[in-house]
Protein backbone atom coordinates (compact mmCIF):
# COMPACT_ATOMS: atom_id res chain seq x y z
CA MET A 1 -35.67 4.14 27.57
CA ASP A 2 -37.42 3.00 24.43
CA ASP A 3 -41.10 2.10 23.98
CA MET A 4 -40.43 -1.63 24.36
CA ASP A 5 -38.81 -1.09 27.77
CA ARG A 6 -41.77 1.03 28.87
CA LEU A 7 -44.17 -1.68 27.72
CA TYR A 8 -42.34 -4.28 29.81
CA ARG A 9 -42.10 -2.06 32.87
CA ASP A 10 -45.84 -1.39 32.82
CA SER A 11 -46.62 -5.11 32.64
CA ASP A 12 -47.48 -7.04 35.79
CA MET A 13 -45.13 -9.79 34.62
CA TYR A 14 -42.19 -7.38 34.78
CA ASN A 15 -42.85 -7.04 38.50
CA MET A 16 -42.45 -10.80 38.91
CA TYR A 17 -38.71 -10.58 38.29
CA PRO A 18 -36.72 -11.07 41.52
CA GLU A 19 -35.28 -8.03 43.27
CA LEU A 20 -31.77 -8.99 42.15
CA TYR A 21 -32.81 -8.61 38.50
CA HIS A 22 -34.23 -5.14 39.20
CA ARG A 23 -30.84 -4.16 40.66
CA LEU A 24 -28.83 -5.85 37.91
CA TYR A 25 -30.70 -4.84 34.76
CA PRO A 26 -30.07 -1.05 34.96
CA LYS A 27 -26.34 -1.69 35.28
CA VAL A 28 -26.40 -4.03 32.27
CA HIS A 29 -28.46 -1.52 30.28
CA ASP A 30 -26.09 1.37 31.12
CA CYS A 31 -23.03 -0.68 30.20
CA VAL A 32 -24.50 -1.84 26.87
CA TRP A 33 -25.59 1.63 25.82
CA ARG A 34 -22.22 3.14 26.77
CA TYR A 35 -20.47 0.62 24.53
CA ILE A 36 -22.96 1.27 21.72
CA ARG A 37 -22.35 5.03 21.94
CA GLU A 38 -18.58 4.43 21.81
CA LYS A 39 -18.53 1.74 19.11
CA GLY A 40 -21.62 2.42 16.99
CA GLU A 41 -25.04 0.88 16.43
CA ASP A 42 -23.77 -2.15 14.51
CA TRP A 43 -21.24 -3.14 17.18
CA GLU A 44 -21.17 -6.77 18.31
CA PRO A 45 -18.95 -7.59 21.29
CA SER A 46 -15.98 -9.91 21.13
CA LYS A 47 -15.44 -12.49 23.88
CA ARG A 48 -12.91 -10.14 25.49
CA GLU A 49 -15.38 -7.23 25.45
CA MET A 50 -18.07 -9.48 26.96
CA GLU A 51 -15.68 -10.44 29.77
CA ASP A 52 -14.80 -6.78 30.32
CA MET A 53 -18.50 -5.84 30.54
CA ILE A 54 -19.22 -8.72 32.93
CA ASP A 55 -16.26 -7.65 35.10
CA GLU A 56 -17.50 -4.05 35.16
CA ILE A 57 -21.08 -4.98 36.02
CA TYR A 58 -19.91 -7.50 38.64
CA GLU A 59 -17.78 -4.85 40.35
CA ARG A 60 -20.68 -2.38 40.38
CA MET A 61 -22.97 -5.04 41.87
CA MET A 62 -20.40 -5.91 44.56
CA LYS A 63 -20.40 -2.29 45.71
CA GLU A 64 -24.18 -2.42 46.05
CA CYS A 65 -24.56 -6.02 47.32
CA PRO A 66 -21.26 -7.19 48.88
CA GLU A 67 -22.94 -10.25 50.42
CA ILE A 68 -23.03 -11.88 46.97
CA ASP A 69 -19.24 -12.24 47.12
CA ASN A 70 -19.24 -13.81 50.59
CA ASP A 71 -19.65 -17.53 49.98
CA MET A 72 -18.11 -19.66 52.70
CA ASP A 73 -18.77 -22.87 50.76
CA GLU A 74 -16.86 -21.47 47.79
CA ARG A 75 -13.86 -20.81 49.97
CA ARG A 76 -14.08 -24.20 51.66
CA TYR A 77 -14.44 -26.17 48.40
CA GLY A 78 -11.95 -23.99 46.58
CA MET A 79 -9.32 -24.96 49.15
CA SER A 80 -10.34 -28.63 49.22
CA ASN A 81 -7.47 -31.11 49.23
CA ASP A 82 -9.48 -34.29 48.68
CA VAL A 83 -9.55 -35.85 45.21
CA GLU A 84 -13.35 -35.98 44.99
CA GLY A 85 -13.69 -32.28 45.80
CA MET A 86 -11.13 -31.34 43.18
CA GLN A 87 -12.67 -33.47 40.40
CA ARG A 88 -16.25 -32.28 40.49
CA PRO A 89 -17.12 -28.88 39.01
CA PHE A 90 -17.93 -26.28 41.63
CA PHE A 91 -20.39 -23.48 41.00
CA GLY A 92 -20.02 -20.98 43.81
CA ARG A 93 -21.98 -17.76 44.14
CA ARG A 94 -19.36 -15.73 42.31
CA ARG A 95 -19.35 -18.00 39.26
CA ILE A 96 -23.14 -18.39 39.17
CA PHE A 97 -23.66 -14.64 39.54
CA ARG A 98 -21.16 -13.86 36.78
CA ASP A 99 -22.98 -16.38 34.56
CA LEU A 100 -26.29 -14.65 35.40
CA ILE A 101 -24.78 -11.30 34.42
CA GLY A 102 -23.63 -12.85 31.13
CA ILE A 103 -27.11 -14.25 30.45
CA VAL A 104 -28.84 -10.92 31.10
CA LEU A 105 -26.18 -9.11 29.06
CA LEU A 106 -26.59 -11.46 26.08
CA GLY A 107 -30.37 -11.22 26.33
CA THR A 108 -30.14 -7.44 26.24
CA LEU A 109 -27.75 -7.44 23.27
CA LEU A 110 -29.79 -9.99 21.31
CA GLY A 111 -33.07 -8.23 22.12
CA ARG A 112 -31.59 -4.99 20.84
CA ARG A 113 -30.62 -6.67 17.56
CA ARG A 114 -34.09 -8.19 17.12
CA ARG A 115 -35.82 -4.85 17.62
CA ARG A 116 -33.42 -3.04 15.30
CA ARG A 117 -33.87 -5.60 12.54
CA TYR A 118 -37.63 -5.57 12.96
CA TYR A 119 -37.89 -1.79 12.74
CA ASN A 120 -35.49 -1.64 9.78
CA TYR A 121 -37.34 -4.32 7.88
CA PRO A 122 -38.11 -3.10 4.33
CA GLY A 123 -41.80 -2.41 4.03
CA TYR A 124 -42.36 -2.11 7.78
CA ASP A 125 -45.10 0.45 8.35
CA TYR A 126 -43.99 2.77 11.13
CA GLY A 127 -47.51 4.10 11.44
CA PRO A 128 -48.96 7.59 11.27
CA GLY A 129 -47.04 10.36 12.95
CA TYR A 130 -43.72 8.50 13.03
CA TRP A 131 -40.80 10.82 12.25
CA TYR A 132 -37.61 9.30 10.91
């Protein structure tokens, strides 16, 4: 865990995140850092890799919170035979949760890039006592 993560965790605002985020974020963080270790610091995911990471995180979350996958409305609308039900977009729990995973994942990846660029900025003063 880097200094920025510690700063956020010590903040009262960090505690305002919903419980679901506190369960989801460690899985996203672990997945991102595993990919970075495998592919290198400058790695940027392809669409396929993003989908693979979302699938992996979704599966891990389903083991911990299986109720997320139980959406009776999703099943009812997914099997709808009426024209109106088939024409309108349907956002069931599964799709919304996968989108949420993607949002947190992208935020983590983009935040990592911002910090890396900031710290590698030419002329940035790392301060006294900083060892390269």
